[in-house]
Amino acid sequence: MRELQADADAAELDKPNVYMVEGYIAARLFTEALRRISRDPTRARLRKAIEGLDDLNIGGFRVHFVEDRVASRLVEWGLIDSQGRVRE
């Protein structure tokens, strides 16, 4: 996620973690879907816009919605230790 890393560097944040990645992808996806709604966003229009996101590239991370609504083929494991820290 080149864009996430660049944005994190610009904001002087720590190395992106799994939470930052998930939030960044979700925010970029919904921002793009809202951009595609001409005006008066509704739940139905937002859903249609999201379903119309065909092969969206979010800084090197590709999101593709199809009939079964699978957006990504990436599966990554994370572990939360006893102190609540994410271990990747």
PDB file of N, CA and C in Angstrom:
ATOM      1  N   MET A   1       0.841  -1.183   0.000  1.00  0.00           N
ATOM      2  CA  MET A   1       0.000   0.000   0.000  1.00  0.00           C
ATOM      3  C   MET A   1       0.881   1.240   0.000  1.00  0.00           C
ATOM      4  N   ARG A   2       1.328   1.569  -1.164  1.00  0.00           N
ATOM      5  CA  ARG A   2       2.236   2.709  -1.312  1.00  0.00           C
ATOM      6  C   ARG A   2       1.621   4.020  -0.831  1.00  0.00           C
ATOM      7  N   GLU A   3       0.361   4.260  -1.182  1.00  0.00           N
ATOM      8  CA  GLU A   3      -0.278   5.520  -0.792  1.00  0.00           C
ATOM      9  C   GLU A   3      -0.457   5.616   0.722  1.00  0.00           C
ATOM     10  N   LEU A   4      -0.822   4.524   1.354  1.00  0.00           N
ATOM     11  CA  LEU A   4      -0.950   4.526   2.815  1.00  0.00           C
ATOM     12  C   LEU A   4       0.386   4.845   3.462  1.00  0.00           C
ATOM     13  N   GLN A   5       1.441   4.211   2.995  1.00  0.00           N
ATOM     14  CA  GLN A   5       2.769   4.461   3.563  1.00  0.00           C
ATOM     15  C   GLN A   5       3.167   5.919   3.377  1.00  0.00           C
ATOM     16  N   ALA A   6       2.896   6.473   2.193  1.00  0.00           N
ATOM     17  CA  ALA A   6       3.226   7.875   1.934  1.00  0.00           C
ATOM     18  C   ALA A   6       2.420   8.803   2.843  1.00  0.00           C
ATOM     19  N   ASP A   7       1.134   8.516   3.007  1.00  0.00           N
ATOM     20  CA  ASP A   7       0.295   9.338   3.885  1.00  0.00           C
ATOM     21  C   ASP A   7       0.736   9.215   5.344  1.00  0.00           C
ATOM     22  N   ALA A   8       1.095   8.008   5.773  1.00  0.00           N
ATOM     23  CA  ALA A   8       1.569   7.806   7.148  1.00  0.00           C
ATOM     24  C   ALA A   8       2.884   8.543   7.372  1.00  0.00           C
ATOM     25  N   ASP A   9       3.780   8.485   6.386  1.00  0.00           N
ATOM     26  CA  ASP A   9       5.053   9.206   6.497  1.00  0.00           C
ATOM     27  C   ASP A   9       4.819  10.709   6.589  1.00  0.00           C
ATOM     28  N   ALA A  10       3.914  11.228   5.752  1.00  0.00           N
ATOM     29  CA  ALA A  10       3.625  12.665   5.746  1.00  0.00           C
ATOM     30  C   ALA A  10       3.038  13.119   7.081  1.00  0.00           C
ATOM     31  N   ALA A  11       2.266  12.254   7.722  1.00  0.00           N
ATOM     32  CA  ALA A  11       1.660  12.584   9.014  1.00  0.00           C
ATOM     33  C   ALA A  11       2.557  12.200  10.187  1.00  0.00           C
ATOM     34  N   GLU A  12       3.767  11.718   9.878  1.00  0.00           N
ATOM     35  CA  GLU A  12       4.734  11.294  10.888  1.00  0.00           C
ATOM     36  C   GLU A  12       4.149  10.246  11.837  1.00  0.00           C
ATOM     37  N   LEU A  13       3.432   9.280  11.262  1.00  0.00           N
ATOM     38  CA  LEU A  13       2.862   8.181  12.035  1.00  0.00           C
ATOM     39  C   LEU A  13       3.826   7.009  12.055  1.00  0.00           C
ATOM     40  N   ASP A  14       3.592   6.098  12.985  1.00  0.00           N
ATOM     41  CA  ASP A  14       4.388   4.878  13.044  1.00  0.00           C
ATOM     42  C   ASP A  14       4.122   4.030  11.809  1.00  0.00           C
ATOM     43  N   LYS A  15       4.851   2.935  11.712  1.00  0.00           N
ATOM     44  CA  LYS A  15       4.646   1.978  10.635  1.00  0.00           C
ATOM     45  C   LYS A  15       3.173   1.562  10.618  1.00  0.00           C
ATOM     46  N   PRO A  16       2.529   1.584   9.450  1.00  0.00           N
ATOM     47  CA  PRO A  16       1.120   1.177   9.387  1.00  0.00           C
ATOM     48  C   PRO A  16       0.924  -0.240   9.922  1.00  0.00           C
ATOM     49  N   ASN A  17      -0.150  -0.421  10.667  1.00  0.00           N
ATOM     50  CA  ASN A  17      -0.476  -1.746  11.194  1.00  0.00           C
ATOM     51  C   ASN A  17      -1.761  -2.242  10.538  1.00  0.00           C
ATOM     52  N   VAL A  18      -2.205  -3.400  10.936  1.00  0.00           N
ATOM     53  CA  VAL A  18      -3.371  -4.018  10.313  1.00  0.00           C
ATOM     54  C   VAL A  18      -4.620  -3.143  10.463  1.00  0.00           C
ATOM     55  N   TYR A  19      -4.756  -2.450  11.586  1.00  0.00           N
ATOM     56  CA  TYR A  19      -5.916  -1.580  11.785  1.00  0.00           C
ATOM     57  C   TYR A  19      -5.883  -0.388  10.835  1.00  0.00           C
ATOM     58  N   MET A  20      -4.720   0.197  10.667  1.00  0.00           N
ATOM     59  CA  MET A  20      -4.584   1.334   9.754  1.00  0.00           C
ATOM     60  C   MET A  20      -4.884   0.911   8.321  1.00  0.00           C
ATOM     61  N   VAL A  21      -4.413  -0.257   7.934  1.00  0.00           N
ATOM     62  CA  VAL A  21      -4.643  -0.744   6.570  1.00  0.00           C
ATOM     63  C   VAL A  21      -6.133  -0.950   6.326  1.00  0.00           C
ATOM     64  N   GLU A  22      -6.810  -1.629   7.233  1.00  0.00           N
ATOM     65  CA  GLU A  22      -8.251  -1.871   7.082  1.00  0.00           C
ATOM     66  C   GLU A  22      -9.028  -0.557   7.008  1.00  0.00           C
ATOM     67  N   GLY A  23      -8.725   0.369   7.909  1.00  0.00           N
ATOM     68  CA  GLY A  23      -9.411   1.657   7.912  1.00  0.00           C
ATOM     69  C   GLY A  23      -9.135   2.466   6.666  1.00  0.00           C
ATOM     70  N   TYR A  24      -7.896   2.438   6.206  1.00  0.00           N
ATOM     71  CA  TYR A  24      -7.508   3.188   5.012  1.00  0.00           C
ATOM     72  C   TYR A  24      -8.239   2.655   3.787  1.00  0.00           C
ATOM     73  N   ILE A  25      -8.271   1.337   3.634  1.00  0.00           N
ATOM     74  CA  ILE A  25      -8.963   0.740   2.489  1.00  0.00           C
ATOM     75  C   ILE A  25     -10.451   1.071   2.537  1.00  0.00           C
ATOM     76  N   ALA A  26     -11.068   0.926   3.705  1.00  0.00           N
ATOM     77  CA  ALA A  26     -12.497   1.220   3.842  1.00  0.00           C
ATOM     78  C   ALA A  26     -12.789   2.686   3.537  1.00  0.00           C
ATOM     79  N   ALA A  27     -11.976   3.588   4.067  1.00  0.00           N
ATOM     80  CA  ALA A  27     -12.191   5.020   3.826  1.00  0.00           C
ATOM     81  C   ALA A  27     -12.041   5.365   2.351  1.00  0.00           C
ATOM     82  N   ARG A  28     -11.012   4.833   1.707  1.00  0.00           N
ATOM     83  CA  ARG A  28     -10.802   5.106   0.282  1.00  0.00           C
ATOM     84  C   ARG A  28     -11.926   4.519  -0.571  1.00  0.00           C
ATOM     85  N   LEU A  29     -12.384   3.317  -0.217  1.00  0.00           N
ATOM     86  CA  LEU A  29     -13.462   2.674  -0.956  1.00  0.00           C
ATOM     87  C   LEU A  29     -14.753   3.492  -0.848  1.00  0.00           C
ATOM     88  N   PHE A  30     -15.128   3.871   0.365  1.00  0.00           N
ATOM     89  CA  PHE A  30     -16.358   4.633   0.541  1.00  0.00           C
ATOM     90  C   PHE A  30     -16.246   6.036  -0.044  1.00  0.00           C
ATOM     91  N   THR A  31     -15.081   6.638   0.026  1.00  0.00           N
ATOM     92  CA  THR A  31     -14.885   7.951  -0.593  1.00  0.00           C
ATOM     93  C   THR A  31     -15.089   7.864  -2.093  1.00  0.00           C
ATOM     94  N   GLU A  32     -14.529   6.841  -2.711  1.00  0.00           N
ATOM     95  CA  GLU A  32     -14.692   6.661  -4.157  1.00  0.00           C
ATOM     96  C   GLU A  32     -16.145   6.367  -4.514  1.00  0.00           C
ATOM     97  N   ALA A  33     -16.815   5.536  -3.725  1.00  0.00           N
ATOM     98  CA  ALA A  33     -18.224   5.238  -3.991  1.00  0.00           C
ATOM     99  C   ALA A  33     -19.072   6.506  -3.875  1.00  0.00           C
ATOM    100  N   LEU A  34     -18.837   7.318  -2.848  1.00  0.00           N
ATOM    101  CA  LEU A  34     -19.586   8.572  -2.695  1.00  0.00           C
ATOM    102  C   LEU A  34     -19.287   9.549  -3.821  1.00  0.00           C
ATOM    103  N   ARG A  35     -18.055   9.552  -4.295  1.00  0.00           N
ATOM    104  CA  ARG A  35     -17.693  10.421  -5.414  1.00  0.00           C
ATOM    105  C   ARG A  35     -18.491  10.057  -6.667  1.00  0.00           C
ATOM    106  N   ARG A  36     -18.802   8.789  -6.822  1.00  0.00           N
ATOM    107  CA  ARG A  36     -19.520   8.325  -8.011  1.00  0.00           C
ATOM    108  C   ARG A  36     -21.022   8.571  -7.940  1.00  0.00           C
ATOM    109  N   ILE A  37     -21.526   8.914  -6.759  1.00  0.00           N
ATOM    110  CA  ILE A  37     -22.941   9.257  -6.630  1.00  0.00           C
ATOM    111  C   ILE A  37     -23.068  10.729  -6.993  1.00  0.00           C
ATOM    112  N   SER A  38     -23.891  11.013  -7.986  1.00  0.00           N
ATOM    113  CA  SER A  38     -23.963  12.391  -8.484  1.00  0.00           C
ATOM    114  C   SER A  38     -24.421  13.376  -7.410  1.00  0.00           C
ATOM    115  N   ARG A  39     -25.484  13.045  -6.708  1.00  0.00           N
ATOM    116  CA  ARG A  39     -25.975  13.905  -5.630  1.00  0.00           C
ATOM    117  C   ARG A  39     -26.994  13.133  -4.816  1.00  0.00           C
ATOM    118  N   ASP A  40     -27.390  13.692  -3.715  1.00  0.00           N
ATOM    119  CA  ASP A  40     -28.381  13.072  -2.834  1.00  0.00           C
ATOM    120  C   ASP A  40     -28.065  11.606  -2.536  1.00  0.00           C
ATOM    121  N   PRO A  41     -26.992  11.347  -1.800  1.00  0.00           N
ATOM    122  CA  PRO A  41     -26.650   9.954  -1.503  1.00  0.00           C
ATOM    123  C   PRO A  41     -27.729   9.272  -0.652  1.00  0.00           C
ATOM    124  N   THR A  42     -28.075   8.087  -1.042  1.00  0.00           N
ATOM    125  CA  THR A  42     -28.997   7.249  -0.284  1.00  0.00           C
ATOM    126  C   THR A  42     -28.326   5.894  -0.084  1.00  0.00           C
ATOM    127  N   ARG A  43     -28.911   5.096   0.771  1.00  0.00           N
ATOM    128  CA  ARG A  43     -28.361   3.755   0.990  1.00  0.00           C
ATOM    129  C   ARG A  43     -28.331   2.966  -0.317  1.00  0.00           C
ATOM    130  N   ALA A  44     -29.418   3.036  -1.082  1.00  0.00           N
ATOM    131  CA  ALA A  44     -29.496   2.295  -2.347  1.00  0.00           C
ATOM    132  C   ALA A  44     -28.452   2.791  -3.344  1.00  0.00           C
ATOM    133  N   ARG A  45     -28.274   4.104  -3.430  1.00  0.00           N
ATOM    134  CA  ARG A  45     -27.276   4.646  -4.362  1.00  0.00           C
ATOM    135  C   ARG A  45     -25.854   4.295  -3.928  1.00  0.00           C
ATOM    136  N   LEU A  46     -25.605   4.321  -2.624  1.00  0.00           N
ATOM    137  CA  LEU A  46     -24.281   3.950  -2.136  1.00  0.00           C
ATOM    138  C   LEU A  46     -23.998   2.479  -2.436  1.00  0.00           C
ATOM    139  N   ARG A  47     -24.978   1.636  -2.193  1.00  0.00           N
ATOM    140  CA  ARG A  47     -24.801   0.203  -2.492  1.00  0.00           C
ATOM    141  C   ARG A  47     -24.523  -0.016  -3.973  1.00  0.00           C
ATOM    142  N   LYS A  48     -25.287   0.650  -4.823  1.00  0.00           N
ATOM    143  CA  LYS A  48     -25.086   0.507  -6.269  1.00  0.00           C
ATOM    144  C   LYS A  48     -23.699   1.006  -6.673  1.00  0.00           C
ATOM    145  N   ALA A  49     -23.267   2.100  -6.079  1.00  0.00           N
ATOM    146  CA  ALA A  49     -21.939   2.645  -6.397  1.00  0.00           C
ATOM    147  C   ALA A  49     -20.839   1.686  -5.951  1.00  0.00           C
ATOM    148  N   ILE A  50     -20.991   1.092  -4.777  1.00  0.00           N
ATOM    149  CA  ILE A  50     -19.990   0.129  -4.297  1.00  0.00           C
ATOM    150  C   ILE A  50     -19.968  -1.094  -5.202  1.00  0.00           C
ATOM    151  N   GLU A  51     -21.147  -1.594  -5.565  1.00  0.00           N
ATOM    152  CA  GLU A  51     -21.206  -2.755  -6.449  1.00  0.00           C
ATOM    153  C   GLU A  51     -20.617  -2.447  -7.820  1.00  0.00           C
ATOM    154  N   GLY A  52     -20.588  -1.172  -8.188  1.00  0.00           N
ATOM    155  CA  GLY A  52     -20.025  -0.770  -9.471  1.00  0.00           C
ATOM    156  C   GLY A  52     -18.526  -0.530  -9.440  1.00  0.00           C
ATOM    157  N   LEU A  53     -17.907  -0.673  -8.280  1.00  0.00           N
ATOM    158  CA  LEU A  53     -16.458  -0.494  -8.192  1.00  0.00           C
ATOM    159  C   LEU A  53     -15.790  -1.722  -8.801  1.00  0.00           C
ATOM    160  N   ASP A  54     -15.405  -1.594 -10.033  1.00  0.00           N
ATOM    161  CA  ASP A  54     -14.828  -2.717 -10.760  1.00  0.00           C
ATOM    162  C   ASP A  54     -13.328  -2.523 -10.886  1.00  0.00           C
ATOM    163  N   ASP A  55     -12.584  -3.333 -10.174  1.00  0.00           N
ATOM    164  CA  ASP A  55     -11.124  -3.306 -10.225  1.00  0.00           C
ATOM    165  C   ASP A  55     -10.561  -1.965  -9.751  1.00  0.00           C
ATOM    166  N   LEU A  56     -11.002  -1.525  -8.586  1.00  0.00           N
ATOM    167  CA  LEU A  56     -10.517  -0.285  -7.982  1.00  0.00           C
ATOM    168  C   LEU A  56      -9.107  -0.501  -7.446  1.00  0.00           C
ATOM    169  N   ASN A  57      -8.197   0.375  -7.806  1.00  0.00           N
ATOM    170  CA  ASN A  57      -6.812   0.284  -7.346  1.00  0.00           C
ATOM    171  C   ASN A  57      -6.599   1.337  -6.264  1.00  0.00           C
ATOM    172  N   ILE A  58      -6.344   0.877  -5.057  1.00  0.00           N
ATOM    173  CA  ILE A  58      -6.104   1.775  -3.928  1.00  0.00           C
ATOM    174  C   ILE A  58      -4.626   1.691  -3.580  1.00  0.00           C
ATOM    175  N   GLY A  59      -3.837   2.450  -4.269  1.00  0.00           N
ATOM    176  CA  GLY A  59      -2.406   2.499  -3.995  1.00  0.00           C
ATOM    177  C   GLY A  59      -1.698   1.164  -4.102  1.00  0.00           C
ATOM    178  N   GLY A  60      -2.067   0.368  -5.083  1.00  0.00           N
ATOM    179  CA  GLY A  60      -1.437  -0.928  -5.265  1.00  0.00           C
ATOM    180  C   GLY A  60      -2.242  -2.082  -4.697  1.00  0.00           C
ATOM    181  N   PHE A  61      -3.309  -1.788  -3.957  1.00  0.00           N
ATOM    182  CA  PHE A  61      -4.203  -2.819  -3.428  1.00  0.00           C
ATOM    183  C   PHE A  61      -5.458  -2.806  -4.278  1.00  0.00           C
ATOM    184  N   ARG A  62      -5.721  -3.915  -4.968  1.00  0.00           N
ATOM    185  CA  ARG A  62      -6.854  -3.969  -5.887  1.00  0.00           C
ATOM    186  C   ARG A  62      -8.099  -4.506  -5.195  1.00  0.00           C
ATOM    187  N   VAL A  63      -9.208  -3.787  -5.392  1.00  0.00           N
ATOM    188  CA  VAL A  63     -10.508  -4.190  -4.861  1.00  0.00           C
ATOM    189  C   VAL A  63     -11.433  -4.388  -6.050  1.00  0.00           C
ATOM    190  N   HIS A  64     -12.091  -5.541  -6.087  1.00  0.00           N
ATOM    191  CA  HIS A  64     -12.961  -5.867  -7.216  1.00  0.00           C
ATOM    192  C   HIS A  64     -14.231  -6.511  -6.677  1.00  0.00           C
ATOM    193  N   PHE A  65     -15.361  -5.848  -6.843  1.00  0.00           N
ATOM    194  CA  PHE A  65     -16.631  -6.407  -6.404  1.00  0.00           C
ATOM    195  C   PHE A  65     -17.279  -7.150  -7.560  1.00  0.00           C
ATOM    196  N   VAL A  66     -17.725  -8.358  -7.279  1.00  0.00           N
ATOM    197  CA  VAL A  66     -18.428  -9.172  -8.269  1.00  0.00           C
ATOM    198  C   VAL A  66     -19.738  -9.636  -7.647  1.00  0.00           C
ATOM    199  N   GLU A  67     -20.448 -10.509  -8.335  1.00  0.00           N
ATOM    200  CA  GLU A  67     -21.776 -10.908  -7.869  1.00  0.00           C
ATOM    201  C   GLU A  67     -21.790 -11.456  -6.445  1.00  0.00           C
ATOM    202  N   ASP A  68     -20.763 -12.193  -6.055  1.00  0.00           N
ATOM    203  CA  ASP A  68     -20.759 -12.743  -4.698  1.00  0.00           C
ATOM    204  C   ASP A  68     -20.205 -11.757  -3.670  1.00  0.00           C
ATOM    205  N   ARG A  69     -19.907 -10.543  -4.119  1.00  0.00           N
ATOM    206  CA  ARG A  69     -19.467  -9.428  -3.279  1.00  0.00           C
ATOM    207  C   ARG A  69     -18.109  -9.632  -2.622  1.00  0.00           C
ATOM    208  N   VAL A  70     -17.296 -10.468  -3.197  1.00  0.00           N
ATOM    209  CA  VAL A  70     -15.924 -10.606  -2.714  1.00  0.00           C
ATOM    210  C   VAL A  70     -15.138  -9.412  -3.228  1.00  0.00           C
ATOM    211  N   ALA A  71     -14.493  -8.681  -2.340  1.00  0.00           N
ATOM    212  CA  ALA A  71     -13.797  -7.465  -2.747  1.00  0.00           C
ATOM    213  C   ALA A  71     -12.308  -7.682  -2.949  1.00  0.00           C
ATOM    214  N   SER A  72     -11.717  -8.589  -2.220  1.00  0.00           N
ATOM    215  CA  SER A  72     -10.275  -8.785  -2.284  1.00  0.00           C
ATOM    216  C   SER A  72      -9.954 -10.263  -2.123  1.00  0.00           C
ATOM    217  N   ARG A  73      -8.843 -10.674  -2.714  1.00  0.00           N
ATOM    218  CA  ARG A  73      -8.398 -12.057  -2.566  1.00  0.00           C
ATOM    219  C   ARG A  73      -7.320 -12.181  -1.490  1.00  0.00           C
ATOM    220  N   LEU A  74      -6.938 -11.073  -0.900  1.00  0.00           N
ATOM    221  CA  LEU A  74      -5.882 -11.081   0.109  1.00  0.00           C
ATOM    222  C   LEU A  74      -6.416 -11.582   1.451  1.00  0.00           C
ATOM    223  N   VAL A  75      -5.709 -12.519   2.025  1.00  0.00           N
ATOM    224  CA  VAL A  75      -6.004 -12.990   3.376  1.00  0.00           C
ATOM    225  C   VAL A  75      -4.706 -12.884   4.156  1.00  0.00           C
ATOM    226  N   GLU A  76      -4.755 -12.201   5.272  1.00  0.00           N
ATOM    227  CA  GLU A  76      -3.558 -12.028   6.083  1.00  0.00           C
ATOM    228  C   GLU A  76      -3.914 -12.285   7.541  1.00  0.00           C
ATOM    229  N   TRP A  77      -3.047 -12.975   8.241  1.00  0.00           N
ATOM    230  CA  TRP A  77      -3.272 -13.301   9.640  1.00  0.00           C
ATOM    231  C   TRP A  77      -2.594 -12.281  10.541  1.00  0.00           C
ATOM    232  N   GLY A  78      -3.260 -11.973  11.624  1.00  0.00           N
ATOM    233  CA  GLY A  78      -2.668 -11.129  12.652  1.00  0.00           C
ATOM    234  C   GLY A  78      -2.965 -11.746  14.014  1.00  0.00           C
ATOM    235  N   LEU A  79      -2.156 -11.448  14.974  1.00  0.00           N
ATOM    236  CA  LEU A  79      -2.320 -11.992  16.316  1.00  0.00           C
ATOM    237  C   LEU A  79      -2.251 -10.839  17.306  1.00  0.00           C
ATOM    238  N   ILE A  80      -3.162 -10.820  18.253  1.00  0.00           N
ATOM    239  CA  ILE A  80      -3.141  -9.803  19.304  1.00  0.00           C
ATOM    240  C   ILE A  80      -2.565 -10.454  20.554  1.00  0.00           C
ATOM    241  N   ASP A  81      -1.456  -9.890  21.055  1.00  0.00           N
ATOM    242  CA  ASP A  81      -0.799 -10.492  22.219  1.00  0.00           C
ATOM    243  C   ASP A  81      -1.503 -10.085  23.514  1.00  0.00           C
ATOM    244  N   SER A  82      -0.985 -10.544  24.650  1.00  0.00           N
ATOM    245  CA  SER A  82      -1.630 -10.308  25.945  1.00  0.00           C
ATOM    246  C   SER A  82      -1.660  -8.833  26.344  1.00  0.00           C
ATOM    247  N   GLN A  83      -0.813  -7.995  25.716  1.00  0.00           N
ATOM    248  CA  GLN A  83      -0.823  -6.556  25.978  1.00  0.00           C
ATOM    249  C   GLN A  83      -1.698  -5.798  24.974  1.00  0.00           C
ATOM    250  N   GLY A  84      -2.400  -6.525  24.103  1.00  0.00           N
ATOM    251  CA  GLY A  84      -3.279  -5.894  23.129  1.00  0.00           C
ATOM    252  C   GLY A  84      -2.574  -5.387  21.895  1.00  0.00           C
ATOM    253  N   ARG A  85      -1.307  -5.763  21.703  1.00  0.00           N
ATOM    254  CA  ARG A  85      -0.560  -5.335  20.522  1.00  0.00           C
ATOM    255  C   ARG A  85      -0.773  -6.325  19.390  1.00  0.00           C
ATOM    256  N   VAL A  86      -0.821  -5.793  18.171  1.00  0.00           N
ATOM    257  CA  VAL A  86      -0.986  -6.644  16.995  1.00  0.00           C
ATOM    258  C   VAL A  86       0.374  -7.160  16.560  1.00  0.00           C
ATOM    259  N   ARG A  87       0.469  -8.456  16.397  1.00  0.00           N
ATOM    260  CA  ARG A  87       1.682  -9.100  15.876  1.00  0.00           C
ATOM    261  C   ARG A  87       1.355  -9.583  14.474  1.00  0.00           C
ATOM    262  N   GLU A  88       2.121  -9.118  13.507  1.00  0.00           N
ATOM    263  CA  GLU A  88       1.830  -9.484  12.117  1.00  0.00           C
ATOM    264  C   GLU A  88       2.810 -10.491  11.600  1.00  0.00           C
TER     265      GLU A  88
END
